[in-house]
Amino acid sequence: MTVDLAKTPSFRLDGQRALVTGGGRGIGLAAASALAQAGAHVTLAARTQAEIEAGAQAIRSRGDKADALVLDVTDVEAVRTAIAKSEPFNILVNNAGGNRPAFLMDVKVEDFDFIFALNVRAAFFVAQAVARRLIEAKQPGSIINVSSQMGHVGAARRTVYCASKHAMEGFTKAMAIELAPHRIRVNSLAPTFIETPMTRPFFANEAFRAEVLGKIKLGRLGQLDDLTGAIVFLASDALRTDDRLLPGD
C-alpha cells in the first residue's frame, strides 16, 4: 500500500532580502540575527549608526549576510527614497517603536505625538513603501508588524501605547486583505513584556517587575529567543501563499 505523506515546508530563507527597522538592539537585532541565520540577507535599519553597524558586523562575522542602513523611520520621505532605490525587500520586520509610560492625567501632548509618530505613522508608511516596491517588482513577500499584547488589552500608565498598538493591529488586518492578491502576507507579532534594553530600566523597579510577573503564568519575563522562531516562521514558506499569477498576468 502506498501512503502519501504530507510535505514539510522549508523554514529556510535563502535568496530572500529582509529589512528590520529598529535593528540595532532588542527585538530588532534578535530578528535580524534569526533571519540571517535562516539564510536571508538582512538590512538593519535604525538612526544609531554605531549600533546597526556593530550588529551587522556580528552577523557577518558568523558567516551570514547583513548590511546597515542609517534611517529615521519617522522621516517618511527618507523611508520612501531609501526603499524605492533598493532591491525589493521580501521580508519586513516592522519593529521600530517606543513608549513613554504615564498615567492618563499626566500624558503630555508631545509624548502622545511621539508615540503615534513612531508606532503608527512611521510603521504604516514603512509597510506601504516595502509593499509598493514588491508590487512593482511583482514579487511575493511577508510583512511582520511588531505589535504588543497591549494591542489587545488595556493597562494603566499605557493609554497612549495601547491606542497605538490597537491601531497597528487594525492596519495589519486591513493591509492583509489588500495585499493578499499580490501574494504579500501581513501579520502582527504581539508579545507580552520582553526583557530588552528598552524595557530593562522599567524592570529595575521591583514593584513593577512583581506586577508584571504576577500576570505571567510561566513566572518569568519573556526573552528575545521566545520570539525569533515565530518571526522566522512568519517570514518563511512554512506560511507561504500560493503561486498564482498576479492580477493581469
C-alpha atoms as a PDB file:
ATOM      1  CA  MET A   1       0.000   0.000   0.000  1.00  0.00           C
ATOM      2  CA  THR A   2       1.304   3.426  -0.961  1.00  0.00           C
ATOM      3  CA  VAL A   3       0.979   6.064   1.690  1.00  0.00           C
ATOM      4  CA  ASP A   4       1.148   9.727   0.676  1.00  0.00           C
ATOM      5  CA  LEU A   5       2.871  11.751   3.362  1.00  0.00           C
ATOM      6  CA  ALA A   6       2.466  15.485   3.726  1.00  0.00           C
ATOM      7  CA  LYS A   7       5.476  17.544   2.755  1.00  0.00           C
ATOM      8  CA  THR A   8       7.200  19.629   5.378  1.00  0.00           C
ATOM      9  CA  PRO A   9       7.654  23.213   4.171  1.00  0.00           C
ATOM     10  CA  SER A  10      11.045  24.820   4.439  1.00  0.00           C
ATOM     11  CA  PHE A  11      11.880  27.363   7.088  1.00  0.00           C
ATOM     12  CA  ARG A  12      14.945  28.409   5.097  1.00  0.00           C
ATOM     13  CA  LEU A  13      15.096  31.953   3.714  1.00  0.00           C
ATOM     14  CA  ASP A  14      17.928  31.580   1.221  1.00  0.00           C
ATOM     15  CA  GLY A  15      17.808  34.223  -1.518  1.00  0.00           C
ATOM     16  CA  GLN A  16      15.400  36.424   0.448  1.00  0.00           C
ATOM     17  CA  ARG A  17      16.099  40.036   1.374  1.00  0.00           C
ATOM     18  CA  ALA A  18      14.896  41.266   4.762  1.00  0.00           C
ATOM     19  CA  LEU A  19      14.562  44.759   6.228  1.00  0.00           C
ATOM     20  CA  VAL A  20      14.420  45.087  10.003  1.00  0.00           C
ATOM     21  CA  THR A  21      13.606  48.500  11.465  1.00  0.00           C
ATOM     22  CA  GLY A  22      14.861  49.270  14.942  1.00  0.00           C
ATOM     23  CA  GLY A  23      17.506  46.693  14.072  1.00  0.00           C
ATOM     24  CA  GLY A  24      20.285  47.870  16.354  1.00  0.00           C
ATOM     25  CA  ARG A  25      19.205  46.149  19.550  1.00  0.00           C
ATOM     26  CA  GLY A  26      16.487  44.249  21.356  1.00  0.00           C
ATOM     27  CA  ILE A  27      13.792  42.548  19.294  1.00  0.00           C
ATOM     28  CA  GLY A  28      15.073  44.088  16.058  1.00  0.00           C
ATOM     29  CA  LEU A  29      18.607  42.773  16.393  1.00  0.00           C
ATOM     30  CA  ALA A  30      17.336  39.357  17.500  1.00  0.00           C
ATOM     31  CA  ALA A  31      15.019  39.238  14.481  1.00  0.00           C
ATOM     32  CA  ALA A  32      17.814  40.237  12.104  1.00  0.00           C
ATOM     33  CA  SER A  33      20.112  37.586  13.556  1.00  0.00           C
ATOM     34  CA  ALA A  34      17.466  34.859  13.274  1.00  0.00           C
ATOM     35  CA  LEU A  35      16.525  35.749   9.695  1.00  0.00           C
ATOM     36  CA  ALA A  36      20.176  35.869   8.647  1.00  0.00           C
ATOM     37  CA  GLN A  37      20.844  32.514  10.282  1.00  0.00           C
ATOM     38  CA  ALA A  38      17.928  31.114   8.245  1.00  0.00           C
ATOM     39  CA  GLY A  39      19.652  32.327   5.068  1.00  0.00           C
ATOM     40  CA  ALA A  40      18.226  35.790   4.415  1.00  0.00           C
ATOM     41  CA  HIS A  41      20.327  38.814   3.522  1.00  0.00           C
ATOM     42  CA  VAL A  42      19.287  41.253   6.232  1.00  0.00           C
ATOM     43  CA  THR A  43      19.423  45.034   6.358  1.00  0.00           C
ATOM     44  CA  LEU A  44      19.413  46.514   9.846  1.00  0.00           C
ATOM     45  CA  ALA A  45      17.830  49.974   9.837  1.00  0.00           C
ATOM     46  CA  ALA A  46      17.906  52.494  12.680  1.00  0.00           C
ATOM     47  CA  ARG A  47      19.050  56.016  13.499  1.00  0.00           C
ATOM     48  CA  THR A  48      22.070  54.989  15.560  1.00  0.00           C
ATOM     49  CA  GLN A  49      24.828  54.123  13.111  1.00  0.00           C
ATOM     50  CA  ALA A  50      27.195  52.562  15.657  1.00  0.00           C
ATOM     51  CA  GLU A  51      24.570  50.073  16.870  1.00  0.00           C
ATOM     52  CA  ILE A  52      23.440  48.804  13.484  1.00  0.00           C
ATOM     53  CA  GLU A  53      26.967  48.598  12.112  1.00  0.00           C
ATOM     54  CA  ALA A  54      28.045  46.585  15.157  1.00  0.00           C
ATOM     55  CA  GLY A  55      25.028  44.310  14.774  1.00  0.00           C
ATOM     56  CA  ALA A  56      25.600  43.804  11.056  1.00  0.00           C
ATOM     57  CA  GLN A  57      29.272  43.066  11.639  1.00  0.00           C
ATOM     58  CA  ALA A  58      28.433  40.489  14.303  1.00  0.00           C
ATOM     59  CA  ILE A  59      26.096  38.747  11.873  1.00  0.00           C
ATOM     60  CA  ARG A  60      28.662  38.838   9.073  1.00  0.00           C
ATOM     61  CA  SER A  61      31.390  37.510  11.355  1.00  0.00           C
ATOM     62  CA  ARG A  62      29.208  34.442  11.860  1.00  0.00           C
ATOM     63  CA  GLY A  63      29.225  33.889   8.099  1.00  0.00           C
ATOM     64  CA  ASP A  64      25.784  35.323   7.345  1.00  0.00           C
ATOM     65  CA  LYS A  65      24.781  38.319   5.209  1.00  0.00           C
ATOM     66  CA  ALA A  66      23.956  41.697   6.733  1.00  0.00           C
ATOM     67  CA  ASP A  67      24.054  45.409   5.884  1.00  0.00           C
ATOM     68  CA  ALA A  68      23.433  48.534   7.953  1.00  0.00           C
ATOM     69  CA  LEU A  69      21.140  51.347   6.845  1.00  0.00           C
ATOM     70  CA  VAL A  70      21.052  54.585   8.829  1.00  0.00           C
ATOM     71  CA  LEU A  71      17.418  55.654   8.636  1.00  0.00           C
ATOM     72  CA  ASP A  72      14.964  57.664  10.707  1.00  0.00           C
ATOM     73  CA  VAL A  73      11.688  55.842  10.086  1.00  0.00           C
ATOM     74  CA  THR A  74       9.680  58.886  11.188  1.00  0.00           C
ATOM     75  CA  ASP A  75      11.009  60.698   8.088  1.00  0.00           C
ATOM     76  CA  VAL A  76       8.514  59.320   5.563  1.00  0.00           C
ATOM     77  CA  GLU A  77      10.235  60.813   2.520  1.00  0.00           C
ATOM     78  CA  ALA A  78      13.587  59.387   3.567  1.00  0.00           C
ATOM     79  CA  VAL A  79      11.964  55.978   4.031  1.00  0.00           C
ATOM     80  CA  ARG A  80      10.315  56.129   0.620  1.00  0.00           C
ATOM     81  CA  THR A  81      13.541  57.178  -1.065  1.00  0.00           C
ATOM     82  CA  ALA A  82      15.678  54.507   0.611  1.00  0.00           C
ATOM     83  CA  ILE A  83      13.268  51.678  -0.158  1.00  0.00           C
ATOM     84  CA  ALA A  84      12.493  52.833  -3.698  1.00  0.00           C
ATOM     85  CA  LYS A  85      16.147  52.740  -4.700  1.00  0.00           C
ATOM     86  CA  SER A  86      16.805  49.352  -3.074  1.00  0.00           C
ATOM     87  CA  GLU A  87      16.166  45.918  -4.440  1.00  0.00           C
ATOM     88  CA  PRO A  88      12.771  44.781  -3.114  1.00  0.00           C
ATOM     89  CA  PHE A  89      12.693  43.506   0.440  1.00  0.00           C
ATOM     90  CA  ASN A  90      10.842  40.197   0.526  1.00  0.00           C
ATOM     91  CA  ILE A  91      10.585  40.383   4.308  1.00  0.00           C
ATOM     92  CA  LEU A  92       9.882  43.371   6.540  1.00  0.00           C
ATOM     93  CA  VAL A  93      10.121  43.195  10.307  1.00  0.00           C
ATOM     94  CA  ASN A  94       8.386  46.459  11.157  1.00  0.00           C
ATOM     95  CA  ASN A  95       9.854  46.694  14.617  1.00  0.00           C
ATOM     96  CA  ALA A  96      10.838  50.309  15.397  1.00  0.00           C
ATOM     97  CA  GLY A  97       8.675  51.578  18.240  1.00  0.00           C
ATOM     98  CA  GLY A  98       8.689  53.232  21.618  1.00  0.00           C
ATOM     99  CA  ASN A  99       6.754  54.161  24.726  1.00  0.00           C
ATOM    100  CA  ARG A 100       6.634  56.882  27.337  1.00  0.00           C
ATOM    101  CA  PRO A 101       4.519  55.415  30.153  1.00  0.00           C
ATOM    102  CA  ALA A 102       2.349  57.837  32.115  1.00  0.00           C
ATOM    103  CA  PHE A 103      -0.939  57.846  33.941  1.00  0.00           C
ATOM    104  CA  LEU A 104      -3.788  59.205  31.846  1.00  0.00           C
ATOM    105  CA  MET A 105      -3.921  62.533  33.677  1.00  0.00           C
ATOM    106  CA  ASP A 106      -0.175  63.024  33.210  1.00  0.00           C
ATOM    107  CA  VAL A 107       0.011  62.348  29.449  1.00  0.00           C
ATOM    108  CA  LYS A 108       1.640  65.245  27.599  1.00  0.00           C
ATOM    109  CA  VAL A 109       0.746  66.184  24.047  1.00  0.00           C
ATOM    110  CA  GLU A 110       4.369  65.868  22.953  1.00  0.00           C
ATOM    111  CA  ASP A 111       4.559  62.311  24.353  1.00  0.00           C
ATOM    112  CA  PHE A 112       1.291  61.355  22.637  1.00  0.00           C
ATOM    113  CA  ASP A 113       2.630  62.718  19.346  1.00  0.00           C
ATOM    114  CA  PHE A 114       5.981  60.931  19.775  1.00  0.00           C
ATOM    115  CA  ILE A 115       4.342  57.533  20.349  1.00  0.00           C
ATOM    116  CA  PHE A 116       1.887  57.844  17.467  1.00  0.00           C
ATOM    117  CA  ALA A 117       4.507  59.230  15.078  1.00  0.00           C
ATOM    118  CA  LEU A 118       6.718  56.202  15.668  1.00  0.00           C
ATOM    119  CA  ASN A 119       4.346  53.336  16.442  1.00  0.00           C
ATOM    120  CA  VAL A 120       1.604  54.197  13.945  1.00  0.00           C
ATOM    121  CA  ARG A 121       2.571  56.759  11.300  1.00  0.00           C
ATOM    122  CA  ALA A 122       6.124  55.521  10.711  1.00  0.00           C
ATOM    123  CA  ALA A 123       5.208  51.828  10.836  1.00  0.00           C
ATOM    124  CA  PHE A 124       2.316  52.360   8.408  1.00  0.00           C
ATOM    125  CA  PHE A 125       4.403  54.139   5.807  1.00  0.00           C
ATOM    126  CA  VAL A 126       7.374  51.762   6.083  1.00  0.00           C
ATOM    127  CA  ALA A 127       4.986  48.904   5.305  1.00  0.00           C
ATOM    128  CA  GLN A 128       3.456  50.881   2.445  1.00  0.00           C
ATOM    129  CA  ALA A 129       6.864  51.590   0.896  1.00  0.00           C
ATOM    130  CA  VAL A 130       8.010  47.956   1.138  1.00  0.00           C
ATOM    131  CA  ALA A 131       4.703  46.698  -0.301  1.00  0.00           C
ATOM    132  CA  ARG A 132       4.810  49.211  -3.160  1.00  0.00           C
ATOM    133  CA  ARG A 133       8.300  48.058  -4.150  1.00  0.00           C
ATOM    134  CA  LEU A 134       7.236  44.402  -4.072  1.00  0.00           C
ATOM    135  CA  ILE A 135       4.156  45.097  -6.180  1.00  0.00           C
ATOM    136  CA  GLU A 136       6.234  46.990  -8.746  1.00  0.00           C
ATOM    137  CA  ALA A 137       8.611  44.034  -8.977  1.00  0.00           C
ATOM    138  CA  LYS A 138       5.731  41.506  -8.927  1.00  0.00           C
ATOM    139  CA  GLN A 139       7.359  39.645  -6.071  1.00  0.00           C
ATOM    140  CA  PRO A 140       5.687  37.979  -3.071  1.00  0.00           C
ATOM    141  CA  GLY A 141       6.627  38.985   0.441  1.00  0.00           C
ATOM    142  CA  SER A 142       5.952  38.923   4.151  1.00  0.00           C
ATOM    143  CA  ILE A 143       5.342  41.957   6.361  1.00  0.00           C
ATOM    144  CA  ILE A 144       5.618  41.315  10.085  1.00  0.00           C
ATOM    145  CA  ASN A 145       4.386  44.208  12.230  1.00  0.00           C
ATOM    146  CA  VAL A 146       5.791  44.005  15.755  1.00  0.00           C
ATOM    147  CA  SER A 147       2.817  44.888  17.900  1.00  0.00           C
ATOM    148  CA  SER A 148       2.177  44.069  21.557  1.00  0.00           C
ATOM    149  CA  GLN A 149      -0.267  42.366  23.858  1.00  0.00           C
ATOM    150  CA  MET A 150      -1.251  45.975  24.576  1.00  0.00           C
ATOM    151  CA  GLY A 151      -2.830  45.963  21.128  1.00  0.00           C
ATOM    152  CA  HIS A 152      -5.454  43.593  22.566  1.00  0.00           C
ATOM    153  CA  VAL A 153      -5.877  44.677  26.179  1.00  0.00           C
ATOM    154  CA  GLY A 154      -5.668  47.820  28.278  1.00  0.00           C
ATOM    155  CA  ALA A 155      -3.275  48.734  31.063  1.00  0.00           C
ATOM    156  CA  ALA A 156      -2.707  51.574  33.464  1.00  0.00           C
ATOM    157  CA  ARG A 157       0.025  54.052  32.504  1.00  0.00           C
ATOM    158  CA  ARG A 158      -0.223  52.858  28.902  1.00  0.00           C
ATOM    159  CA  THR A 159      -3.283  54.546  27.430  1.00  0.00           C
ATOM    160  CA  VAL A 160      -1.348  56.037  24.520  1.00  0.00           C
ATOM    161  CA  TYR A 161       0.791  52.965  23.885  1.00  0.00           C
ATOM    162  CA  CYS A 162      -2.305  50.753  23.933  1.00  0.00           C
ATOM    163  CA  ALA A 163      -4.027  53.085  21.488  1.00  0.00           C
ATOM    164  CA  SER A 164      -1.028  52.968  19.141  1.00  0.00           C
ATOM    165  CA  LYS A 165      -0.807  49.177  19.173  1.00  0.00           C
ATOM    166  CA  HIS A 166      -4.569  48.776  18.722  1.00  0.00           C
ATOM    167  CA  ALA A 167      -4.093  50.978  15.657  1.00  0.00           C
ATOM    168  CA  MET A 168      -1.310  48.715  14.392  1.00  0.00           C
ATOM    169  CA  GLU A 169      -3.498  45.648  14.846  1.00  0.00           C
ATOM    170  CA  GLY A 170      -6.180  47.393  12.802  1.00  0.00           C
ATOM    171  CA  PHE A 171      -3.998  48.383   9.878  1.00  0.00           C
ATOM    172  CA  THR A 172      -2.352  44.950   9.891  1.00  0.00           C
ATOM    173  CA  LYS A 173      -5.732  43.319   9.280  1.00  0.00           C
ATOM    174  CA  ALA A 174      -6.652  45.778   6.548  1.00  0.00           C
ATOM    175  CA  MET A 175      -3.250  45.535   4.826  1.00  0.00           C
ATOM    176  CA  ALA A 176      -3.504  41.741   4.857  1.00  0.00           C
ATOM    177  CA  ILE A 177      -6.766  41.943   2.907  1.00  0.00           C
ATOM    178  CA  GLU A 178      -5.491  44.471   0.360  1.00  0.00           C
ATOM    179  CA  LEU A 179      -2.106  42.859  -0.228  1.00  0.00           C
ATOM    180  CA  ALA A 180      -3.188  39.208  -0.352  1.00  0.00           C
ATOM    181  CA  PRO A 181      -3.914  39.349  -4.123  1.00  0.00           C
ATOM    182  CA  HIS A 182      -0.303  40.466  -4.587  1.00  0.00           C
ATOM    183  CA  ARG A 183       0.968  37.441  -2.616  1.00  0.00           C
ATOM    184  CA  ILE A 184       2.146  39.677   0.222  1.00  0.00           C
ATOM    185  CA  ARG A 185       1.332  38.334   3.666  1.00  0.00           C
ATOM    186  CA  VAL A 186       0.806  40.745   6.545  1.00  0.00           C
ATOM    187  CA  ASN A 187       0.839  39.540  10.149  1.00  0.00           C
ATOM    188  CA  SER A 188       1.418  41.013  13.574  1.00  0.00           C
ATOM    189  CA  LEU A 189       3.506  39.639  16.400  1.00  0.00           C
ATOM    190  CA  ALA A 190       2.110  40.673  19.775  1.00  0.00           C
ATOM    191  CA  PRO A 191       4.435  39.674  22.634  1.00  0.00           C
ATOM    192  CA  THR A 192       3.983  40.397  26.292  1.00  0.00           C
ATOM    193  CA  PHE A 193       6.763  42.135  28.214  1.00  0.00           C
ATOM    194  CA  ILE A 194      10.111  41.074  26.772  1.00  0.00           C
ATOM    195  CA  GLU A 195      13.360  41.816  28.549  1.00  0.00           C
ATOM    196  CA  THR A 196      15.243  44.151  26.188  1.00  0.00           C
ATOM    197  CA  PRO A 197      17.474  47.226  26.546  1.00  0.00           C
ATOM    198  CA  MET A 198      14.324  49.370  26.210  1.00  0.00           C
ATOM    199  CA  THR A 199      12.309  47.571  28.911  1.00  0.00           C
ATOM    200  CA  ARG A 200      15.145  46.691  31.311  1.00  0.00           C
ATOM    201  CA  PRO A 201      15.064  50.072  33.112  1.00  0.00           C
ATOM    202  CA  PHE A 202      11.357  49.532  33.858  1.00  0.00           C
ATOM    203  CA  PHE A 203      12.108  46.156  35.440  1.00  0.00           C
ATOM    204  CA  ALA A 204      14.647  47.772  37.760  1.00  0.00           C
ATOM    205  CA  ASN A 205      11.560  48.919  39.655  1.00  0.00           C
ATOM    206  CA  GLU A 206      10.866  45.879  41.830  1.00  0.00           C
ATOM    207  CA  ALA A 207       7.190  46.729  42.317  1.00  0.00           C
ATOM    208  CA  PHE A 208       6.667  46.941  38.556  1.00  0.00           C
ATOM    209  CA  ARG A 209       8.610  43.728  37.972  1.00  0.00           C
ATOM    210  CA  ALA A 210       6.489  41.904  40.548  1.00  0.00           C
ATOM    211  CA  GLU A 211       3.301  43.296  38.986  1.00  0.00           C
ATOM    212  CA  VAL A 212       4.297  42.013  35.547  1.00  0.00           C
ATOM    213  CA  LEU A 213       5.470  38.603  36.744  1.00  0.00           C
ATOM    214  CA  GLY A 214       2.240  38.199  38.690  1.00  0.00           C
ATOM    215  CA  LYS A 215       0.317  38.177  35.388  1.00  0.00           C
ATOM    216  CA  ILE A 216       2.597  35.751  33.522  1.00  0.00           C
ATOM    217  CA  LYS A 217       1.683  32.132  34.238  1.00  0.00           C
ATOM    218  CA  LEU A 218       5.160  30.855  33.355  1.00  0.00           C
ATOM    219  CA  GLY A 219       6.519  33.027  36.147  1.00  0.00           C
ATOM    220  CA  ARG A 220       9.304  34.580  34.091  1.00  0.00           C
ATOM    221  CA  LEU A 221       9.869  37.519  31.809  1.00  0.00           C
ATOM    222  CA  GLY A 222       9.750  36.927  28.076  1.00  0.00           C
ATOM    223  CA  GLN A 223      13.136  36.620  26.374  1.00  0.00           C
ATOM    224  CA  LEU A 224      14.196  37.507  22.843  1.00  0.00           C
ATOM    225  CA  ASP A 225      14.565  33.889  21.780  1.00  0.00           C
ATOM    226  CA  ASP A 226      10.892  33.378  22.642  1.00  0.00           C
ATOM    227  CA  LEU A 227      10.099  35.474  19.555  1.00  0.00           C
ATOM    228  CA  THR A 228      12.647  34.517  16.925  1.00  0.00           C
ATOM    229  CA  GLY A 229      11.047  31.201  15.983  1.00  0.00           C
ATOM    230  CA  ALA A 230       7.745  32.936  15.283  1.00  0.00           C
ATOM    231  CA  ILE A 231       9.495  35.582  13.189  1.00  0.00           C
ATOM    232  CA  VAL A 232      11.268  33.001  11.018  1.00  0.00           C
ATOM    233  CA  PHE A 233       8.002  31.060  10.651  1.00  0.00           C
ATOM    234  CA  LEU A 234       6.056  34.141   9.523  1.00  0.00           C
ATOM    235  CA  ALA A 235       8.797  35.030   7.046  1.00  0.00           C
ATOM    236  CA  SER A 236       9.224  31.548   5.576  1.00  0.00           C
ATOM    237  CA  ASP A 237       7.483  29.257   3.109  1.00  0.00           C
ATOM    238  CA  ALA A 238       6.001  27.472   6.106  1.00  0.00           C
ATOM    239  CA  LEU A 239       3.421  30.260   5.934  1.00  0.00           C
ATOM    240  CA  ARG A 240       3.522  30.685   2.173  1.00  0.00           C
ATOM    241  CA  THR A 241       0.794  31.884  -0.150  1.00  0.00           C
ATOM    242  CA  ASP A 242       0.016  30.015  -3.354  1.00  0.00           C
ATOM    243  CA  ASP A 243       1.858  30.543  -6.606  1.00  0.00           C
ATOM    244  CA  ARG A 244      -0.968  32.032  -8.656  1.00  0.00           C
ATOM    245  CA  LEU A 245      -0.034  34.817 -11.000  1.00  0.00           C
ATOM    246  CA  LEU A 246      -0.741  38.395 -10.052  1.00  0.00           C
ATOM    247  CA  PRO A 247      -3.877  40.091 -11.425  1.00  0.00           C
ATOM    248  CA  GLY A 248      -3.318  40.934 -15.069  1.00  0.00           C
ATOM    249  CA  ASP A 249      -0.517  38.397 -15.637  1.00  0.00           C
END
